Amino acid sequence: MLNLFGVNVATVTDSEKRNKIQEILTQNNIKYSVKAEYINQKNAFDSAIIGNRENGTKLKYMFYVNKKDADMAVHLINSVE
């Protein structure tokens, strides 16, 4: 995938953190893109009962910004956390 926004400034798995980051970047007029990926946690040893195959799928959200906005975006994101 070609990413026009070149710098990854944050990666989170929590949807609340994702919303806060989106809000702070939007408020400061920093254009961004978000890529979501599934994190598959399928390990046979995680389940105590063989028949229990609960889906442990989580999403990982990666935020990308333009290189010129990267330092400001990182600063703003760190101030929120």
C-alpha atoms as a PDB file:
ATOM      1  CA  MET A   1       0.000   0.000   0.000  1.00  0.00           C
ATOM      2  CA  LEU A   2       1.381   3.377  -0.983  1.00  0.00           C
ATOM      3  CA  ASN A   3       1.194   5.714   1.962  1.00  0.00           C
ATOM      4  CA  LEU A   4       1.114   9.404   1.013  1.00  0.00           C
ATOM      5  CA  PHE A   5       1.569  10.286   4.670  1.00  0.00           C
ATOM      6  CA  GLY A   6       5.078   9.077   5.351  1.00  0.00           C
ATOM      7  CA  VAL A   7       5.737   9.110   9.090  1.00  0.00           C
ATOM      8  CA  ASN A   8       4.174   6.784  11.660  1.00  0.00           C
ATOM      9  CA  VAL A   9       3.651   8.951  14.748  1.00  0.00           C
ATOM     10  CA  ALA A  10       1.616   6.562  16.903  1.00  0.00           C
ATOM     11  CA  THR A  11       0.391   2.989  17.113  1.00  0.00           C
ATOM     12  CA  VAL A  12      -2.379   2.113  19.569  1.00  0.00           C
ATOM     13  CA  THR A  13      -4.730  -0.789  20.237  1.00  0.00           C
ATOM     14  CA  ASP A  14      -7.187   1.062  22.465  1.00  0.00           C
ATOM     15  CA  SER A  15     -10.139   2.701  20.684  1.00  0.00           C
ATOM     16  CA  GLU A  16     -10.348   5.484  23.299  1.00  0.00           C
ATOM     17  CA  LYS A  17      -6.721   6.442  22.644  1.00  0.00           C
ATOM     18  CA  ARG A  18      -7.427   6.281  18.912  1.00  0.00           C
ATOM     19  CA  ASN A  19     -10.310   8.740  19.339  1.00  0.00           C
ATOM     20  CA  LYS A  20      -8.189  11.115  21.459  1.00  0.00           C
ATOM     21  CA  ILE A  21      -5.378  11.102  18.904  1.00  0.00           C
ATOM     22  CA  GLN A  22      -7.800  11.759  16.046  1.00  0.00           C
ATOM     23  CA  GLU A  23      -9.354  14.611  18.002  1.00  0.00           C
ATOM     24  CA  ILE A  24      -6.048  16.293  18.893  1.00  0.00           C
ATOM     25  CA  LEU A  25      -4.703  16.044  15.335  1.00  0.00           C
ATOM     26  CA  THR A  26      -7.939  17.422  13.869  1.00  0.00           C
ATOM     27  CA  GLN A  27      -8.041  20.307  16.370  1.00  0.00           C
ATOM     28  CA  ASN A  28      -4.514  21.280  15.339  1.00  0.00           C
ATOM     29  CA  ASN A  29      -5.210  21.003  11.591  1.00  0.00           C
ATOM     30  CA  ILE A  30      -2.734  18.165  11.089  1.00  0.00           C
ATOM     31  CA  LYS A  31      -3.758  15.922   8.211  1.00  0.00           C
ATOM     32  CA  TYR A  32      -3.381  12.246   9.004  1.00  0.00           C
ATOM     33  CA  SER A  33      -4.281   8.795   7.832  1.00  0.00           C
ATOM     34  CA  VAL A  34      -5.087   5.781   9.977  1.00  0.00           C
ATOM     35  CA  LYS A  35      -4.326   2.222   9.029  1.00  0.00           C
ATOM     36  CA  ALA A  36      -6.050  -0.544  10.984  1.00  0.00           C
ATOM     37  CA  GLU A  37      -4.650  -4.070  11.152  1.00  0.00           C
ATOM     38  CA  TYR A  38      -5.926  -7.189  12.828  1.00  0.00           C
ATOM     39  CA  ILE A  39      -3.649  -8.645  15.474  1.00  0.00           C
ATOM     40  CA  ASN A  40      -4.366 -12.353  15.564  1.00  0.00           C
ATOM     41  CA  GLN A  41      -3.487 -13.892  18.891  1.00  0.00           C
ATOM     42  CA  LYS A  42      -4.087 -17.524  18.092  1.00  0.00           C
ATOM     43  CA  ASN A  43      -2.014 -19.699  20.346  1.00  0.00           C
ATOM     44  CA  ALA A  44      -3.181 -23.200  21.199  1.00  0.00           C
ATOM     45  CA  PHE A  45      -1.666 -22.919  24.680  1.00  0.00           C
ATOM     46  CA  ASP A  46      -3.749 -19.823  25.514  1.00  0.00           C
ATOM     47  CA  SER A  47      -6.867 -21.936  25.865  1.00  0.00           C
ATOM     48  CA  ALA A  48      -7.169 -24.175  28.929  1.00  0.00           C
ATOM     49  CA  ILE A  49      -9.941 -26.184  27.299  1.00  0.00           C
ATOM     50  CA  ILE A  50      -9.292 -27.523  23.827  1.00  0.00           C
ATOM     51  CA  GLY A  51     -12.872 -26.836  22.742  1.00  0.00           C
ATOM     52  CA  ASN A  52     -12.646 -23.193  23.830  1.00  0.00           C
ATOM     53  CA  ARG A  53     -11.457 -21.260  20.803  1.00  0.00           C
ATOM     54  CA  GLU A  54     -12.472 -17.755  21.718  1.00  0.00           C
ATOM     55  CA  ASN A  55     -11.514 -15.210  19.130  1.00  0.00           C
ATOM     56  CA  GLY A  56      -8.661 -13.115  20.529  1.00  0.00           C
ATOM     57  CA  THR A  57      -8.579 -10.726  17.576  1.00  0.00           C
ATOM     58  CA  LYS A  58      -7.682  -7.116  18.293  1.00  0.00           C
ATOM     59  CA  LEU A  59      -7.166  -4.107  16.082  1.00  0.00           C
ATOM     60  CA  LYS A  60      -3.988  -2.073  15.888  1.00  0.00           C
ATOM     61  CA  TYR A  61      -4.362   1.545  14.705  1.00  0.00           C
ATOM     62  CA  MET A  62      -1.347   3.224  13.094  1.00  0.00           C
ATOM     63  CA  PHE A  63      -1.353   6.987  12.566  1.00  0.00           C
ATOM     64  CA  TYR A  64       0.618   8.519   9.712  1.00  0.00           C
ATOM     65  CA  VAL A  65       1.269  12.209   9.077  1.00  0.00           C
ATOM     66  CA  ASN A  66       3.236  14.273   6.609  1.00  0.00           C
ATOM     67  CA  LYS A  67       6.944  14.456   7.412  1.00  0.00           C
ATOM     68  CA  LYS A  68       6.768  18.225   8.026  1.00  0.00           C
ATOM     69  CA  ASP A  69       4.078  17.739  10.705  1.00  0.00           C
ATOM     70  CA  ALA A  70       5.646  14.722  12.420  1.00  0.00           C
ATOM     71  CA  ASP A  71       7.437  16.514  15.285  1.00  0.00           C
ATOM     72  CA  MET A  72       4.369  18.559  16.221  1.00  0.00           C
ATOM     73  CA  ALA A  73       2.097  15.512  15.986  1.00  0.00           C
ATOM     74  CA  VAL A  74       4.340  13.444  18.273  1.00  0.00           C
ATOM     75  CA  HIS A  75       4.493  16.313  20.772  1.00  0.00           C
ATOM     76  CA  LEU A  76       0.697  16.688  20.801  1.00  0.00           C
ATOM     77  CA  ILE A  77       0.088  12.946  21.095  1.00  0.00           C
ATOM     78  CA  ASN A  78       2.545  12.635  23.989  1.00  0.00           C
ATOM     79  CA  SER A  79       0.872  15.534  25.807  1.00  0.00           C
ATOM     80  CA  VAL A  80      -2.488  13.707  25.647  1.00  0.00           C
ATOM     81  CA  GLU A  81      -1.164  10.478  27.149  1.00  0.00           C
END
